[in-house]
Amino acid sequence: MECFSLVQTTSADCGHCGCALGLESELVPTTLSCPRCTHGLFLLDSGEVAMHECQSCGGLFLDHESLTLVITAHRPSQGSVASVRVPELPAPETQVRYLPCPVCTNVMNRAVFGRKSGVVIDTCRVHGTFFDARELTGCVAFVEAGGIERAEKQALERKRDEIRRARIDRRAGVMYDAVNAPVRSRYDVLIDPGPSRTEGLIDIMHVLLG
């Protein structure tokens, strides 16, 4: 279960990551149904990570805690990114189908895992995420190749861009107010000494150079 690839029952090693295959955990029948093919899901509990597996279509359903543990375990150590062979993913659907959550039956949201992985997953905000056959393997490969780190870096850059644009918009507002301030006559200045148009232009220079 290192990479979550599908393997033949007669294989001694994983054909994807090369790890030796141990005894498979016992599958426990549940009352949940596969959102893809409606067959019954079986609980596969390997200790910390628990998942529901469909033996008909190969789909996997993980609660949020289990998925977080899987992602954390496969993130590369700092400064090292693994060279990972990305598995062949299922052909994209010709017709988009929104799947029901196996737990609450509410329609799940579709999203690209890690924004750049190319793997479209189905997620229930409350209960967990469903992966079609080989999709979890593709997500794990994306994580091992540093995809999460790249996604986090891009998200930080987007946040900085938003802050930068907001700062520019505020400065533009100050310049607009300064330029469009009413021109006051010399008489107005004498009876009410306040900011003049010249002072407004000085404010503009402060904004441009600040």
N, C-alpha and C. Protein backbone atom coordinates (compact mmCIF):
# COMPACT_ATOMS: atom_id res chain seq x y z
N MET A 1 0.82 -1.21 0.00
CA MET A 1 0.00 0.00 0.00
C MET A 1 0.85 1.26 0.00
N GLU A 2 2.10 1.13 -0.42
CA GLU A 2 2.97 2.31 -0.43
C GLU A 2 2.50 3.33 -1.46
N CYS A 3 2.16 2.87 -2.66
CA CYS A 3 1.77 3.81 -3.72
C CYS A 3 0.32 3.62 -4.14
N PHE A 4 -0.36 2.63 -3.56
CA PHE A 4 -1.79 2.40 -3.83
C PHE A 4 -2.06 1.99 -5.27
N SER A 5 -1.08 1.33 -5.90
CA SER A 5 -1.29 0.85 -7.25
C SER A 5 -2.08 -0.46 -7.23
N LEU A 6 -2.79 -0.71 -8.31
CA LEU A 6 -3.48 -1.98 -8.47
C LEU A 6 -2.48 -3.02 -8.99
N VAL A 7 -2.42 -4.16 -8.31
CA VAL A 7 -1.47 -5.21 -8.71
C VAL A 7 -2.20 -6.54 -8.80
N GLN A 8 -1.59 -7.48 -9.51
CA GLN A 8 -2.16 -8.81 -9.60
C GLN A 8 -1.96 -9.55 -8.29
N THR A 9 -2.90 -10.39 -7.96
CA THR A 9 -2.83 -11.11 -6.68
C THR A 9 -1.65 -12.06 -6.62
N THR A 10 -1.09 -12.44 -7.78
CA THR A 10 0.04 -13.37 -7.80
C THR A 10 1.38 -12.65 -7.74
N SER A 11 1.40 -11.32 -7.76
CA SER A 11 2.65 -10.56 -7.76
C SER A 11 3.25 -10.51 -6.37
N ALA A 12 4.60 -10.58 -6.33
CA ALA A 12 5.32 -10.47 -5.05
C ALA A 12 5.75 -9.04 -4.79
N ASP A 13 5.94 -8.26 -5.87
CA ASP A 13 6.37 -6.87 -5.76
C ASP A 13 5.41 -5.97 -6.53
N CYS A 14 5.36 -4.69 -6.11
CA CYS A 14 4.54 -3.71 -6.82
C CYS A 14 5.20 -3.36 -8.14
N GLY A 15 4.45 -3.42 -9.21
CA GLY A 15 4.99 -3.09 -10.52
C GLY A 15 5.23 -1.61 -10.71
N HIS A 16 4.69 -0.78 -9.82
CA HIS A 16 4.86 0.67 -9.96
C HIS A 16 6.04 1.19 -9.15
N CYS A 17 6.06 0.88 -7.85
CA CYS A 17 7.13 1.42 -6.99
C CYS A 17 8.18 0.39 -6.60
N GLY A 18 7.93 -0.88 -6.88
CA GLY A 18 8.92 -1.91 -6.60
C GLY A 18 8.93 -2.44 -5.19
N CYS A 19 8.05 -1.94 -4.33
CA CYS A 19 8.04 -2.40 -2.94
C CYS A 19 7.50 -3.83 -2.85
N ALA A 20 8.05 -4.56 -1.88
CA ALA A 20 7.57 -5.92 -1.65
C ALA A 20 6.16 -5.87 -1.11
N LEU A 21 5.35 -6.78 -1.58
CA LEU A 21 3.95 -6.82 -1.16
C LEU A 21 3.79 -7.77 0.02
N GLY A 22 3.22 -7.26 1.10
CA GLY A 22 2.95 -8.08 2.26
C GLY A 22 1.54 -8.64 2.20
N LEU A 23 1.11 -9.18 3.30
CA LEU A 23 -0.24 -9.70 3.38
C LEU A 23 -1.24 -8.55 3.37
N GLU A 24 -2.26 -8.68 2.56
CA GLU A 24 -3.27 -7.62 2.48
C GLU A 24 -4.16 -7.67 3.71
N SER A 25 -4.50 -6.47 4.20
CA SER A 25 -5.38 -6.39 5.35
C SER A 25 -6.75 -6.98 5.01
N GLU A 26 -7.42 -7.47 6.02
CA GLU A 26 -8.73 -8.08 5.81
C GLU A 26 -9.74 -7.02 5.39
N LEU A 27 -10.52 -7.34 4.39
CA LEU A 27 -11.57 -6.44 3.91
C LEU A 27 -12.86 -6.73 4.67
N VAL A 28 -13.44 -5.67 5.23
CA VAL A 28 -14.65 -5.81 6.03
C VAL A 28 -15.83 -5.22 5.26
N PRO A 29 -16.88 -5.98 5.01
CA PRO A 29 -18.05 -5.43 4.31
C PRO A 29 -18.67 -4.28 5.11
N THR A 30 -19.21 -3.31 4.38
CA THR A 30 -19.88 -2.17 5.02
C THR A 30 -21.23 -1.96 4.35
N THR A 31 -21.98 -1.04 4.88
CA THR A 31 -23.28 -0.70 4.30
C THR A 31 -23.16 0.41 3.25
N LEU A 32 -21.95 0.92 3.02
CA LEU A 32 -21.75 2.01 2.06
C LEU A 32 -21.68 1.46 0.63
N SER A 33 -22.11 2.27 -0.31
CA SER A 33 -22.09 1.89 -1.72
C SER A 33 -21.09 2.74 -2.49
N CYS A 34 -20.48 2.14 -3.50
CA CYS A 34 -19.53 2.86 -4.34
C CYS A 34 -20.29 3.93 -5.14
N PRO A 35 -19.84 5.18 -5.10
CA PRO A 35 -20.54 6.23 -5.85
C PRO A 35 -20.38 6.10 -7.36
N ARG A 36 -19.41 5.29 -7.80
CA ARG A 36 -19.17 5.14 -9.24
C ARG A 36 -20.02 4.02 -9.84
N CYS A 37 -20.01 2.84 -9.18
CA CYS A 37 -20.70 1.70 -9.78
C CYS A 37 -21.79 1.11 -8.89
N THR A 38 -21.98 1.69 -7.70
CA THR A 38 -23.03 1.33 -6.74
C THR A 38 -22.83 -0.03 -6.06
N HIS A 39 -21.70 -0.72 -6.32
CA HIS A 39 -21.42 -1.94 -5.60
C HIS A 39 -21.03 -1.61 -4.16
N GLY A 40 -21.08 -2.60 -3.29
CA GLY A 40 -20.75 -2.37 -1.89
C GLY A 40 -19.28 -2.05 -1.67
N LEU A 41 -19.01 -1.17 -0.70
CA LEU A 41 -17.64 -0.82 -0.35
C LEU A 41 -17.18 -1.68 0.83
N PHE A 42 -15.88 -2.03 0.79
CA PHE A 42 -15.28 -2.81 1.86
C PHE A 42 -14.27 -1.93 2.60
N LEU A 43 -14.26 -2.03 3.91
CA LEU A 43 -13.34 -1.26 4.73
C LEU A 43 -11.99 -1.96 4.76
N LEU A 44 -10.94 -1.21 4.39
CA LEU A 44 -9.57 -1.70 4.44
C LEU A 44 -8.82 -0.85 5.44
N ASP A 45 -8.58 -1.39 6.64
CA ASP A 45 -7.97 -0.64 7.74
C ASP A 45 -6.54 -1.14 7.95
N SER A 46 -5.57 -0.28 7.63
CA SER A 46 -4.17 -0.67 7.79
C SER A 46 -3.54 -0.06 9.03
N GLY A 47 -4.34 0.40 9.95
CA GLY A 47 -3.83 1.02 11.17
C GLY A 47 -4.28 2.46 11.24
N GLU A 48 -3.35 3.40 10.92
CA GLU A 48 -3.71 4.82 10.96
C GLU A 48 -4.58 5.21 9.79
N VAL A 49 -4.34 4.59 8.63
CA VAL A 49 -5.08 4.94 7.41
C VAL A 49 -6.20 3.93 7.20
N ALA A 50 -7.40 4.45 7.09
CA ALA A 50 -8.56 3.61 6.80
C ALA A 50 -9.19 4.08 5.49
N MET A 51 -9.52 3.14 4.64
CA MET A 51 -10.15 3.49 3.37
C MET A 51 -11.20 2.47 3.02
N HIS A 52 -12.12 2.91 2.20
CA HIS A 52 -13.17 2.03 1.70
C HIS A 52 -12.87 1.71 0.24
N GLU A 53 -12.85 0.44 -0.08
CA GLU A 53 -12.46 -0.01 -1.42
C GLU A 53 -13.63 -0.68 -2.12
N CYS A 54 -13.75 -0.37 -3.42
CA CYS A 54 -14.72 -1.06 -4.25
C CYS A 54 -13.99 -2.14 -5.03
N GLN A 55 -14.34 -3.40 -4.80
CA GLN A 55 -13.67 -4.49 -5.48
C GLN A 55 -14.16 -4.68 -6.90
N SER A 56 -15.20 -3.95 -7.27
CA SER A 56 -15.74 -4.06 -8.62
C SER A 56 -15.02 -3.12 -9.60
N CYS A 57 -14.91 -1.82 -9.23
CA CYS A 57 -14.30 -0.84 -10.15
C CYS A 57 -12.94 -0.35 -9.68
N GLY A 58 -12.52 -0.71 -8.46
CA GLY A 58 -11.21 -0.29 -7.96
C GLY A 58 -11.20 1.08 -7.33
N GLY A 59 -12.36 1.68 -7.12
CA GLY A 59 -12.42 3.00 -6.49
C GLY A 59 -12.07 2.93 -5.01
N LEU A 60 -11.59 4.06 -4.48
CA LEU A 60 -11.21 4.16 -3.07
C LEU A 60 -11.82 5.42 -2.47
N PHE A 61 -12.34 5.29 -1.26
CA PHE A 61 -12.88 6.45 -0.54
C PHE A 61 -12.12 6.58 0.77
N LEU A 62 -11.49 7.77 0.99
CA LEU A 62 -10.72 8.05 2.19
C LEU A 62 -11.33 9.22 2.92
N ASP A 63 -11.43 9.11 4.25
CA ASP A 63 -11.86 10.28 5.02
C ASP A 63 -10.73 11.30 5.02
N HIS A 64 -11.02 12.52 5.44
CA HIS A 64 -10.05 13.61 5.34
C HIS A 64 -8.79 13.34 6.16
N GLU A 65 -8.95 12.75 7.34
CA GLU A 65 -7.79 12.47 8.19
C GLU A 65 -6.86 11.45 7.54
N SER A 66 -7.44 10.39 6.98
CA SER A 66 -6.62 9.36 6.33
C SER A 66 -5.89 9.92 5.11
N LEU A 67 -6.58 10.74 4.32
CA LEU A 67 -5.94 11.31 3.14
C LEU A 67 -4.80 12.24 3.54
N THR A 68 -5.00 13.01 4.61
CA THR A 68 -3.93 13.89 5.09
C THR A 68 -2.71 13.08 5.51
N LEU A 69 -2.92 11.95 6.17
CA LEU A 69 -1.82 11.09 6.59
C LEU A 69 -1.07 10.53 5.38
N VAL A 70 -1.81 10.14 4.35
CA VAL A 70 -1.18 9.61 3.13
C VAL A 70 -0.32 10.68 2.47
N ILE A 71 -0.88 11.89 2.31
CA ILE A 71 -0.15 12.99 1.67
C ILE A 71 1.10 13.34 2.47
N THR A 72 0.96 13.45 3.78
CA THR A 72 2.09 13.81 4.64
C THR A 72 3.20 12.77 4.55
N ALA A 73 2.83 11.50 4.53
CA ALA A 73 3.82 10.42 4.49
C ALA A 73 4.60 10.40 3.18
N HIS A 74 4.03 10.93 2.10
CA HIS A 74 4.68 10.85 0.79
C HIS A 74 5.29 12.17 0.34
N ARG A 75 5.20 13.21 1.17
CA ARG A 75 5.84 14.47 0.79
C ARG A 75 7.36 14.31 0.87
N PRO A 76 8.09 14.81 -0.13
CA PRO A 76 9.55 14.65 -0.11
C PRO A 76 10.17 15.47 1.00
N SER A 77 11.31 14.99 1.51
CA SER A 77 12.02 15.75 2.54
C SER A 77 12.56 17.03 1.93
N GLN A 78 12.84 18.01 2.77
CA GLN A 78 13.25 19.33 2.29
C GLN A 78 14.53 19.22 1.46
N GLY A 79 14.48 19.81 0.28
CA GLY A 79 15.67 19.83 -0.58
C GLY A 79 15.80 18.61 -1.48
N SER A 80 14.91 17.64 -1.37
CA SER A 80 15.00 16.45 -2.21
C SER A 80 13.64 16.16 -2.81
N VAL A 81 13.62 15.99 -4.12
CA VAL A 81 12.39 15.67 -4.82
C VAL A 81 12.61 14.37 -5.57
N ALA A 82 11.74 13.42 -5.36
CA ALA A 82 11.90 12.11 -5.97
C ALA A 82 11.58 12.17 -7.46
N SER A 83 12.28 11.31 -8.22
CA SER A 83 11.95 11.14 -9.63
C SER A 83 10.94 10.01 -9.71
N VAL A 84 9.71 10.38 -9.96
CA VAL A 84 8.61 9.43 -9.83
C VAL A 84 7.99 9.16 -11.19
N ARG A 85 7.73 7.90 -11.46
CA ARG A 85 7.03 7.53 -12.69
C ARG A 85 5.54 7.69 -12.45
N VAL A 86 4.94 8.61 -13.19
CA VAL A 86 3.51 8.86 -13.03
C VAL A 86 2.74 7.75 -13.71
N PRO A 87 1.82 7.11 -13.02
CA PRO A 87 1.08 5.99 -13.61
C PRO A 87 0.12 6.46 -14.69
N GLU A 88 -0.26 5.54 -15.52
CA GLU A 88 -1.25 5.84 -16.56
C GLU A 88 -2.61 6.00 -15.91
N LEU A 89 -3.21 7.14 -16.10
CA LEU A 89 -4.49 7.43 -15.47
C LEU A 89 -5.64 7.00 -16.37
N PRO A 90 -6.82 6.80 -15.78
CA PRO A 90 -7.97 6.44 -16.60
C PRO A 90 -8.28 7.54 -17.62
N ALA A 91 -8.85 7.13 -18.73
CA ALA A 91 -9.24 8.10 -19.76
C ALA A 91 -10.27 9.06 -19.17
N PRO A 92 -10.14 10.36 -19.47
CA PRO A 92 -11.11 11.34 -18.93
C PRO A 92 -12.53 11.03 -19.39
N GLU A 93 -13.47 11.36 -18.55
CA GLU A 93 -14.87 11.10 -18.86
C GLU A 93 -15.32 11.97 -20.03
N THR A 94 -16.08 11.39 -20.93
CA THR A 94 -16.63 12.17 -22.03
C THR A 94 -17.81 13.01 -21.56
N GLN A 95 -18.46 12.56 -20.49
CA GLN A 95 -19.58 13.30 -19.92
C GLN A 95 -19.35 13.43 -18.41
N VAL A 96 -19.29 14.65 -17.94
CA VAL A 96 -19.04 14.90 -16.52
C VAL A 96 -20.20 14.38 -15.69
N ARG A 97 -19.86 13.65 -14.63
CA ARG A 97 -20.88 13.10 -13.75
C ARG A 97 -20.51 13.41 -12.31
N TYR A 98 -21.41 14.07 -11.61
CA TYR A 98 -21.18 14.41 -10.21
C TYR A 98 -21.65 13.25 -9.34
N LEU A 99 -20.74 12.78 -8.49
CA LEU A 99 -21.00 11.56 -7.72
C LEU A 99 -21.53 11.90 -6.33
N PRO A 100 -22.36 11.02 -5.77
CA PRO A 100 -22.85 11.22 -4.40
C PRO A 100 -21.82 10.73 -3.38
N CYS A 101 -21.76 11.38 -2.25
CA CYS A 101 -20.88 10.94 -1.17
C CYS A 101 -21.39 9.60 -0.65
N PRO A 102 -20.51 8.61 -0.45
CA PRO A 102 -20.96 7.31 0.05
C PRO A 102 -21.58 7.38 1.45
N VAL A 103 -21.23 8.43 2.22
CA VAL A 103 -21.70 8.53 3.60
C VAL A 103 -23.03 9.27 3.69
N CYS A 104 -23.07 10.50 3.14
CA CYS A 104 -24.26 11.34 3.29
C CYS A 104 -25.11 11.41 2.03
N THR A 105 -24.61 10.88 0.92
CA THR A 105 -25.26 10.87 -0.40
C THR A 105 -25.42 12.24 -1.04
N ASN A 106 -24.88 13.29 -0.40
CA ASN A 106 -24.90 14.60 -1.03
C ASN A 106 -23.92 14.62 -2.20
N VAL A 107 -24.22 15.43 -3.21
CA VAL A 107 -23.35 15.51 -4.39
C VAL A 107 -21.99 16.07 -3.99
N MET A 108 -20.94 15.39 -4.43
CA MET A 108 -19.58 15.83 -4.10
C MET A 108 -19.08 16.85 -5.13
N ASN A 109 -18.11 17.65 -4.70
CA ASN A 109 -17.50 18.64 -5.58
C ASN A 109 -16.36 18.00 -6.37
N ARG A 110 -16.19 18.43 -7.60
CA ARG A 110 -15.08 17.97 -8.44
C ARG A 110 -13.97 19.02 -8.42
N ALA A 111 -12.73 18.57 -8.27
CA ALA A 111 -11.60 19.50 -8.22
C ALA A 111 -10.35 18.77 -8.68
N VAL A 112 -9.39 19.53 -9.24
CA VAL A 112 -8.11 18.96 -9.63
C VAL A 112 -7.22 18.88 -8.40
N PHE A 113 -6.75 17.71 -8.08
CA PHE A 113 -5.90 17.52 -6.91
C PHE A 113 -4.62 18.34 -7.05
N GLY A 114 -4.34 19.18 -6.05
CA GLY A 114 -3.12 19.99 -6.07
C GLY A 114 -3.08 21.03 -7.17
N ARG A 115 -4.20 21.29 -7.82
CA ARG A 115 -4.35 22.29 -8.89
C ARG A 115 -3.64 21.92 -10.19
N LYS A 116 -2.51 21.21 -10.13
CA LYS A 116 -1.70 20.96 -11.31
C LYS A 116 -1.47 19.48 -11.60
N SER A 117 -2.08 18.58 -10.81
CA SER A 117 -1.79 17.16 -10.97
C SER A 117 -2.45 16.56 -12.20
N GLY A 118 -3.54 17.15 -12.67
CA GLY A 118 -4.28 16.58 -13.78
C GLY A 118 -5.26 15.52 -13.35
N VAL A 119 -5.32 15.22 -12.05
CA VAL A 119 -6.23 14.20 -11.53
C VAL A 119 -7.46 14.89 -10.95
N VAL A 120 -8.62 14.63 -11.52
CA VAL A 120 -9.87 15.22 -11.03
C VAL A 120 -10.46 14.28 -9.98
N ILE A 121 -10.63 14.79 -8.77
CA ILE A 121 -11.14 13.98 -7.67
C ILE A 121 -12.52 14.49 -7.25
N ASP A 122 -13.23 13.64 -6.52
CA ASP A 122 -14.57 13.98 -6.03
C ASP A 122 -14.52 14.06 -4.51
N THR A 123 -14.88 15.21 -3.96
CA THR A 123 -14.71 15.45 -2.52
C THR A 123 -15.99 15.90 -1.86
N CYS A 124 -16.29 15.26 -0.73
CA CYS A 124 -17.34 15.72 0.17
C CYS A 124 -16.68 16.57 1.24
N ARG A 125 -17.14 17.78 1.41
CA ARG A 125 -16.51 18.70 2.36
C ARG A 125 -16.48 18.14 3.76
N VAL A 126 -17.44 17.29 4.09
CA VAL A 126 -17.56 16.78 5.46
C VAL A 126 -16.88 15.42 5.64
N HIS A 127 -17.08 14.51 4.68
CA HIS A 127 -16.73 13.12 4.96
C HIS A 127 -15.46 12.60 4.29
N GLY A 128 -15.10 13.05 3.11
CA GLY A 128 -13.88 12.53 2.52
C GLY A 128 -13.82 12.69 1.02
N THR A 129 -12.89 11.93 0.39
CA THR A 129 -12.62 12.06 -1.04
C THR A 129 -12.68 10.69 -1.70
N PHE A 130 -13.29 10.64 -2.88
CA PHE A 130 -13.37 9.41 -3.66
C PHE A 130 -12.39 9.48 -4.82
N PHE A 131 -11.63 8.39 -5.01
CA PHE A 131 -10.68 8.28 -6.11
C PHE A 131 -11.10 7.11 -7.00
N ASP A 132 -11.21 7.36 -8.29
CA ASP A 132 -11.41 6.25 -9.22
C ASP A 132 -10.14 5.41 -9.27
N ALA A 133 -10.23 4.25 -9.92
CA ALA A 133 -9.09 3.34 -10.00
C ALA A 133 -7.85 4.07 -10.54
N ARG A 134 -6.74 3.91 -9.85
CA ARG A 134 -5.42 4.46 -10.19
C ARG A 134 -5.28 5.95 -9.92
N GLU A 135 -6.37 6.63 -9.56
CA GLU A 135 -6.27 8.08 -9.31
C GLU A 135 -5.46 8.37 -8.06
N LEU A 136 -5.65 7.59 -7.00
CA LEU A 136 -4.88 7.84 -5.78
C LEU A 136 -3.40 7.60 -6.03
N THR A 137 -3.07 6.60 -6.85
CA THR A 137 -1.67 6.36 -7.22
C THR A 137 -1.09 7.57 -7.94
N GLY A 138 -1.87 8.17 -8.84
CA GLY A 138 -1.41 9.36 -9.54
C GLY A 138 -1.21 10.53 -8.61
N CYS A 139 -2.09 10.68 -7.62
CA CYS A 139 -1.96 11.77 -6.65
C CYS A 139 -0.73 11.58 -5.78
N VAL A 140 -0.47 10.34 -5.36
CA VAL A 140 0.72 10.05 -4.55
C VAL A 140 1.98 10.35 -5.34
N ALA A 141 2.00 9.98 -6.62
CA ALA A 141 3.16 10.29 -7.46
C ALA A 141 3.37 11.79 -7.59
N PHE A 142 2.29 12.53 -7.73
CA PHE A 142 2.35 14.00 -7.81
C PHE A 142 2.95 14.58 -6.52
N VAL A 143 2.53 14.05 -5.38
CA VAL A 143 3.04 14.51 -4.09
C VAL A 143 4.53 14.21 -3.97
N GLU A 144 4.94 12.98 -4.32
CA GLU A 144 6.34 12.58 -4.20
C GLU A 144 7.25 13.40 -5.10
N ALA A 145 6.71 13.89 -6.21
CA ALA A 145 7.49 14.69 -7.15
C ALA A 145 7.53 16.17 -6.76
N GLY A 146 7.03 16.51 -5.57
CA GLY A 146 7.08 17.89 -5.11
C GLY A 146 5.93 18.75 -5.56
N GLY A 147 4.84 18.13 -6.02
CA GLY A 147 3.71 18.90 -6.53
C GLY A 147 3.02 19.75 -5.48
N ILE A 148 2.93 19.24 -4.25
CA ILE A 148 2.28 20.01 -3.19
C ILE A 148 3.10 21.26 -2.86
N GLU A 149 4.41 21.11 -2.82
CA GLU A 149 5.28 22.26 -2.55
C GLU A 149 5.13 23.33 -3.63
N ARG A 150 5.05 22.90 -4.88
CA ARG A 150 4.87 23.87 -5.97
C ARG A 150 3.51 24.55 -5.87
N ALA A 151 2.48 23.78 -5.52
CA ALA A 151 1.14 24.36 -5.38
C ALA A 151 1.11 25.37 -4.24
N GLU A 152 1.77 25.05 -3.12
CA GLU A 152 1.81 25.98 -1.99
C GLU A 152 2.57 27.26 -2.35
N LYS A 153 3.65 27.11 -3.10
CA LYS A 153 4.42 28.29 -3.53
C LYS A 153 3.59 29.18 -4.44
N GLN A 154 2.86 28.56 -5.37
CA GLN A 154 2.01 29.34 -6.28
C GLN A 154 0.88 30.03 -5.53
N ALA A 155 0.32 29.35 -4.52
CA ALA A 155 -0.75 29.97 -3.72
C ALA A 155 -0.21 31.17 -2.96
N LEU A 156 1.03 31.06 -2.43
CA LEU A 156 1.64 32.18 -1.72
C LEU A 156 1.89 33.34 -2.66
N GLU A 157 2.34 33.05 -3.88
CA GLU A 157 2.59 34.10 -4.87
C GLU A 157 1.28 34.80 -5.26
N ARG A 158 0.19 34.01 -5.40
CA ARG A 158 -1.11 34.62 -5.72
C ARG A 158 -1.56 35.54 -4.60
N LYS A 159 -1.34 35.13 -3.34
CA LYS A 159 -1.72 35.97 -2.21
C LYS A 159 -0.92 37.26 -2.20
N ARG A 160 0.36 37.17 -2.49
CA ARG A 160 1.19 38.38 -2.55
C ARG A 160 0.73 39.30 -3.67
N ASP A 161 0.35 38.72 -4.82
CA ASP A 161 -0.14 39.53 -5.94
C ASP A 161 -1.44 40.25 -5.56
N GLU A 162 -2.32 39.56 -4.83
CA GLU A 162 -3.56 40.18 -4.39
C GLU A 162 -3.28 41.36 -3.46
N ILE A 163 -2.34 41.18 -2.53
CA ILE A 163 -1.98 42.27 -1.61
C ILE A 163 -1.38 43.44 -2.40
N ARG A 164 -0.53 43.11 -3.39
CA ARG A 164 0.10 44.14 -4.20
C ARG A 164 -0.93 44.93 -5.00
N ARG A 165 -1.90 44.20 -5.60
CA ARG A 165 -2.94 44.88 -6.38
C ARG A 165 -3.81 45.76 -5.50
N ALA A 166 -4.12 45.28 -4.28
CA ALA A 166 -4.93 46.08 -3.37
C ALA A 166 -4.19 47.36 -2.98
N ARG A 167 -2.87 47.27 -2.78
CA ARG A 167 -2.07 48.45 -2.42
C ARG A 167 -2.07 49.45 -3.58
N ILE A 168 -1.94 48.93 -4.82
CA ILE A 168 -1.95 49.81 -5.99
C ILE A 168 -3.30 50.50 -6.13
N ASP A 169 -4.39 49.73 -5.90
CA ASP A 169 -5.73 50.31 -6.00
C ASP A 169 -5.92 51.43 -4.97
N ARG A 170 -5.39 51.22 -3.75
CA ARG A 170 -5.52 52.27 -2.72
C ARG A 170 -4.75 53.52 -3.13
N ARG A 171 -3.56 53.32 -3.69
CA ARG A 171 -2.76 54.47 -4.13
C ARG A 171 -3.44 55.19 -5.29
N ALA A 172 -4.03 54.44 -6.19
CA ALA A 172 -4.74 55.05 -7.32
C ALA A 172 -5.91 55.87 -6.81
N GLY A 173 -6.58 55.37 -5.77
CA GLY A 173 -7.69 56.13 -5.18
C GLY A 173 -7.22 57.43 -4.58
N VAL A 174 -6.07 57.41 -3.90
CA VAL A 174 -5.51 58.64 -3.32
C VAL A 174 -5.18 59.63 -4.42
N MET A 175 -4.56 59.15 -5.52
CA MET A 175 -4.21 60.05 -6.63
C MET A 175 -5.45 60.65 -7.27
N TYR A 176 -6.49 59.81 -7.43
CA TYR A 176 -7.72 60.31 -8.04
C TYR A 176 -8.34 61.40 -7.18
N ASP A 177 -8.39 61.17 -5.88
CA ASP A 177 -8.97 62.17 -4.98
C ASP A 177 -8.16 63.46 -5.00
N ALA A 178 -6.82 63.32 -5.08
CA ALA A 178 -5.97 64.52 -5.07
C ALA A 178 -6.14 65.33 -6.35
N VAL A 179 -6.18 64.63 -7.49
CA VAL A 179 -6.31 65.33 -8.78
C VAL A 179 -7.68 65.99 -8.92
N ASN A 180 -8.70 65.36 -8.40
CA ASN A 180 -10.06 65.85 -8.56
C ASN A 180 -10.52 66.73 -7.40
N ALA A 181 -9.60 67.10 -6.52
CA ALA A 181 -9.96 68.01 -5.44
C ALA A 181 -10.36 69.36 -6.05
N PRO A 182 -11.40 70.01 -5.56
CA PRO A 182 -11.84 71.29 -6.14
C PRO A 182 -10.76 72.36 -6.04
N VAL A 183 -10.60 73.12 -7.15
CA VAL A 183 -9.62 74.22 -7.17
C VAL A 183 -10.18 75.39 -6.37
N ARG A 184 -9.43 75.88 -5.45
CA ARG A 184 -9.90 76.96 -4.59
C ARG A 184 -9.25 78.27 -5.03
N SER A 185 -10.03 79.30 -4.98
CA SER A 185 -9.52 80.63 -5.35
C SER A 185 -8.62 81.17 -4.26
N ARG A 186 -7.87 82.22 -4.60
CA ARG A 186 -7.01 82.86 -3.59
C ARG A 186 -7.84 83.40 -2.43
N TYR A 187 -9.05 83.89 -2.74
CA TYR A 187 -9.92 84.41 -1.68
C TYR A 187 -10.31 83.28 -0.72
N ASP A 188 -10.64 82.09 -1.29
CA ASP A 188 -10.99 80.95 -0.45
C ASP A 188 -9.84 80.56 0.46
N VAL A 189 -8.62 80.62 -0.08
CA VAL A 189 -7.45 80.24 0.71
C VAL A 189 -7.24 81.22 1.85
N LEU A 190 -7.49 82.53 1.58
CA LEU A 190 -7.28 83.53 2.62
C LEU A 190 -8.25 83.36 3.78
N ILE A 191 -9.50 83.04 3.46
CA ILE A 191 -10.49 82.95 4.55
C ILE A 191 -10.53 81.56 5.19
N ASP A 192 -9.99 80.57 4.47
CA ASP A 192 -9.99 79.20 5.02
C ASP A 192 -8.72 78.49 4.57
N PRO A 193 -7.61 78.75 5.24
CA PRO A 193 -6.34 78.14 4.82
C PRO A 193 -6.38 76.62 5.04
N GLY A 194 -6.46 75.89 3.96
CA GLY A 194 -6.48 74.43 4.02
C GLY A 194 -5.63 73.87 2.90
N PRO A 195 -5.72 72.57 2.63
CA PRO A 195 -4.90 71.96 1.57
C PRO A 195 -5.22 72.59 0.23
N SER A 196 -4.25 73.01 -0.48
CA SER A 196 -4.44 73.60 -1.81
C SER A 196 -4.23 72.52 -2.87
N ARG A 197 -4.49 72.91 -4.12
CA ARG A 197 -4.27 71.97 -5.22
C ARG A 197 -2.81 71.59 -5.32
N THR A 198 -1.92 72.56 -5.00
CA THR A 198 -0.49 72.27 -5.03
C THR A 198 -0.15 71.19 -4.02
N GLU A 199 -0.76 71.29 -2.85
CA GLU A 199 -0.51 70.27 -1.83
C GLU A 199 -1.03 68.91 -2.30
N GLY A 200 -2.13 68.93 -3.04
CA GLY A 200 -2.64 67.68 -3.58
C GLY A 200 -1.67 67.05 -4.55
N LEU A 201 -1.03 67.87 -5.38
CA LEU A 201 -0.03 67.33 -6.31
C LEU A 201 1.17 66.78 -5.57
N ILE A 202 1.54 67.42 -4.47
CA ILE A 202 2.64 66.92 -3.64
C ILE A 202 2.27 65.53 -3.07
N ASP A 203 1.00 65.39 -2.69
CA ASP A 203 0.54 64.09 -2.20
C ASP A 203 0.68 63.02 -3.27
N ILE A 204 0.38 63.40 -4.51
CA ILE A 204 0.52 62.44 -5.62
C ILE A 204 1.97 61.98 -5.74
N MET A 205 2.92 62.93 -5.63
CA MET A 205 4.33 62.57 -5.72
C MET A 205 4.73 61.62 -4.61
N HIS A 206 4.18 61.85 -3.41
CA HIS A 206 4.47 60.94 -2.31
C HIS A 206 3.97 59.53 -2.60
N VAL A 207 2.80 59.45 -3.25
CA VAL A 207 2.24 58.14 -3.58
C VAL A 207 3.10 57.45 -4.63
N LEU A 208 3.52 58.22 -5.64
CA LEU A 208 4.31 57.62 -6.72
C LEU A 208 5.68 57.18 -6.24
N LEU A 209 6.26 57.91 -5.33
CA LEU A 209 7.62 57.60 -4.89
C LEU A 209 7.65 56.76 -3.62
N GLY A 210 6.49 56.62 -2.95
CA GLY A 210 6.45 55.91 -1.67
C GLY A 210 6.54 54.41 -1.83
